[in-house]
Amino acid sequence: MNVSVVIPNYNGEEILEKNLPKVIGSVGDAEIIVVDDCSMDGSLKVLGGFKQKIKIVKNEKNLGFSSTVNRGVKEAKGEIIILLNTDV
């Protein structure tokens, strides 16, 4: 059974630095997709440090939470999709 974890992000640089390593260490071989909603902080730089372990999807403009989540779900390949906020 394949699992995908979809994480929407908007200006979550500090939260990503703190929590993303824990997510990566907890999900085994699950696919992790982080959809950045046109952040204006250093989120993309932080995500770039994990690019070997996650898939990064970048919105060209801010689409809002629901559209960002939907984009991540469309990219997911897993049979089961887990939606996870950056602050969890």
C-alpha atoms as a PDB file:
ATOM      1  CA  MET A   1       0.000   0.000   0.000  1.00  0.00           C
ATOM      2  CA  ASN A   2       1.504   3.339  -1.097  1.00  0.00           C
ATOM      3  CA  VAL A   3       1.135   6.419   1.081  1.00  0.00           C
ATOM      4  CA  SER A   4       1.602  10.065   0.143  1.00  0.00           C
ATOM      5  CA  VAL A   5       1.921  12.888   2.673  1.00  0.00           C
ATOM      6  CA  VAL A   6       0.849  16.292   1.309  1.00  0.00           C
ATOM      7  CA  ILE A   7       2.005  19.380   3.206  1.00  0.00           C
ATOM      8  CA  PRO A   8       0.802  22.829   2.101  1.00  0.00           C
ATOM      9  CA  ASN A   9       3.148  25.681   3.012  1.00  0.00           C
ATOM     10  CA  TYR A  10       2.931  29.457   3.067  1.00  0.00           C
ATOM     11  CA  ASN A  11       5.732  31.397   4.738  1.00  0.00           C
ATOM     12  CA  GLY A  12       6.497  28.502   7.064  1.00  0.00           C
ATOM     13  CA  GLU A  13      10.295  28.702   6.944  1.00  0.00           C
ATOM     14  CA  GLU A  14      10.856  28.324  10.701  1.00  0.00           C
ATOM     15  CA  ILE A  15       8.183  25.667  11.122  1.00  0.00           C
ATOM     16  CA  LEU A  16       9.555  23.648   8.200  1.00  0.00           C
ATOM     17  CA  GLU A  17      13.077  23.768   9.645  1.00  0.00           C
ATOM     18  CA  LYS A  18      11.756  22.475  12.949  1.00  0.00           C
ATOM     19  CA  ASN A  19       9.177  19.902  11.846  1.00  0.00           C
ATOM     20  CA  LEU A  20      10.065  18.584   8.389  1.00  0.00           C
ATOM     21  CA  PRO A  21      13.019  16.465   9.591  1.00  0.00           C
ATOM     22  CA  LYS A  22      10.690  14.805  12.104  1.00  0.00           C
ATOM     23  CA  VAL A  23       8.106  14.076   9.412  1.00  0.00           C
ATOM     24  CA  ILE A  24      10.756  12.610   7.112  1.00  0.00           C
ATOM     25  CA  GLY A  25      12.014  10.416   9.925  1.00  0.00           C
ATOM     26  CA  SER A  26       8.530   9.226  10.822  1.00  0.00           C
ATOM     27  CA  VAL A  27       6.895   8.275   7.538  1.00  0.00           C
ATOM     28  CA  GLY A  28       9.192   5.523   6.335  1.00  0.00           C
ATOM     29  CA  ASP A  29       9.131   5.208   2.571  1.00  0.00           C
ATOM     30  CA  ALA A  30       5.993   7.313   2.090  1.00  0.00           C
ATOM     31  CA  GLU A  31       6.062   9.971  -0.613  1.00  0.00           C
ATOM     32  CA  ILE A  32       6.273  13.482   0.858  1.00  0.00           C
ATOM     33  CA  ILE A  33       4.998  16.394  -1.225  1.00  0.00           C
ATOM     34  CA  VAL A  34       5.344  19.970   0.003  1.00  0.00           C
ATOM     35  CA  VAL A  35       3.342  22.506  -1.998  1.00  0.00           C
ATOM     36  CA  ASP A  36       4.649  26.024  -1.514  1.00  0.00           C
ATOM     37  CA  ASP A  37       1.946  28.653  -1.988  1.00  0.00           C
ATOM     38  CA  CYS A  38       4.233  31.414  -3.299  1.00  0.00           C
ATOM     39  CA  SER A  39       5.966  32.037   0.032  1.00  0.00           C
ATOM     40  CA  MET A  40       7.868  35.279   0.479  1.00  0.00           C
ATOM     41  CA  ASP A  41      10.185  34.032   3.227  1.00  0.00           C
ATOM     42  CA  GLY A  42      13.016  31.508   3.010  1.00  0.00           C
ATOM     43  CA  SER A  43      10.735  28.470   2.750  1.00  0.00           C
ATOM     44  CA  LEU A  44      12.036  27.410  -0.658  1.00  0.00           C
ATOM     45  CA  LYS A  45      15.625  27.558   0.563  1.00  0.00           C
ATOM     46  CA  VAL A  46      14.729  25.321   3.502  1.00  0.00           C
ATOM     47  CA  LEU A  47      12.856  22.913   1.227  1.00  0.00           C
ATOM     48  CA  GLY A  48      15.818  22.808  -1.149  1.00  0.00           C
ATOM     49  CA  GLY A  49      17.861  21.242   1.636  1.00  0.00           C
ATOM     50  CA  PHE A  50      15.473  18.269   1.639  1.00  0.00           C
ATOM     51  CA  LYS A  51      14.977  17.894  -2.129  1.00  0.00           C
ATOM     52  CA  GLN A  52      16.452  14.385  -2.137  1.00  0.00           C
ATOM     53  CA  LYS A  53      13.742  13.192   0.265  1.00  0.00           C
ATOM     54  CA  ILE A  54      10.679  15.219  -0.753  1.00  0.00           C
ATOM     55  CA  LYS A  55       8.893  16.445  -3.843  1.00  0.00           C
ATOM     56  CA  ILE A  56       8.569  20.226  -3.990  1.00  0.00           C
ATOM     57  CA  VAL A  57       5.699  21.805  -5.916  1.00  0.00           C
ATOM     58  CA  LYS A  58       5.740  25.594  -6.293  1.00  0.00           C
ATOM     59  CA  ASN A  59       2.692  27.725  -6.956  1.00  0.00           C
ATOM     60  CA  GLU A  60       3.531  30.695  -9.187  1.00  0.00           C
ATOM     61  CA  LYS A  61       0.984  32.802  -7.312  1.00  0.00           C
ATOM     62  CA  ASN A  62      -0.749  32.479  -3.960  1.00  0.00           C
ATOM     63  CA  LEU A  63      -3.762  30.207  -4.505  1.00  0.00           C
ATOM     64  CA  GLY A  64      -4.896  29.781  -0.911  1.00  0.00           C
ATOM     65  CA  PHE A  65      -5.092  26.728   1.301  1.00  0.00           C
ATOM     66  CA  SER A  66      -7.679  24.573  -0.484  1.00  0.00           C
ATOM     67  CA  SER A  67      -6.227  25.022  -3.978  1.00  0.00           C
ATOM     68  CA  THR A  68      -2.732  24.361  -2.662  1.00  0.00           C
ATOM     69  CA  VAL A  69      -3.857  21.148  -0.960  1.00  0.00           C
ATOM     70  CA  ASN A  70      -5.725  20.057  -4.092  1.00  0.00           C
ATOM     71  CA  ARG A  71      -2.616  20.607  -6.199  1.00  0.00           C
ATOM     72  CA  GLY A  72      -0.618  18.389  -3.857  1.00  0.00           C
ATOM     73  CA  VAL A  73      -3.259  15.671  -3.963  1.00  0.00           C
ATOM     74  CA  LYS A  74      -3.196  15.736  -7.785  1.00  0.00           C
ATOM     75  CA  GLU A  75       0.583  15.231  -7.694  1.00  0.00           C
ATOM     76  CA  ALA A  76       0.376  12.357  -5.197  1.00  0.00           C
ATOM     77  CA  LYS A  77       0.900   8.796  -6.352  1.00  0.00           C
ATOM     78  CA  GLY A  78      -0.157   7.038  -3.154  1.00  0.00           C
ATOM     79  CA  GLU A  79      -3.300   5.004  -2.636  1.00  0.00           C
ATOM     80  CA  ILE A  80      -3.666   6.703   0.751  1.00  0.00           C
ATOM     81  CA  ILE A  81      -3.130  10.446   1.080  1.00  0.00           C
ATOM     82  CA  ILE A  82      -2.378  12.101   4.405  1.00  0.00           C
ATOM     83  CA  LEU A  83      -2.816  15.858   4.636  1.00  0.00           C
ATOM     84  CA  LEU A  84      -0.488  17.453   7.153  1.00  0.00           C
ATOM     85  CA  ASN A  85      -0.108  21.094   8.132  1.00  0.00           C
ATOM     86  CA  THR A  86       3.402  22.466   8.606  1.00  0.00           C
ATOM     87  CA  ASP A  87       2.833  23.128  12.307  1.00  0.00           C
ATOM     88  CA  VAL A  88       1.984  19.534  13.204  1.00  0.00           C
END
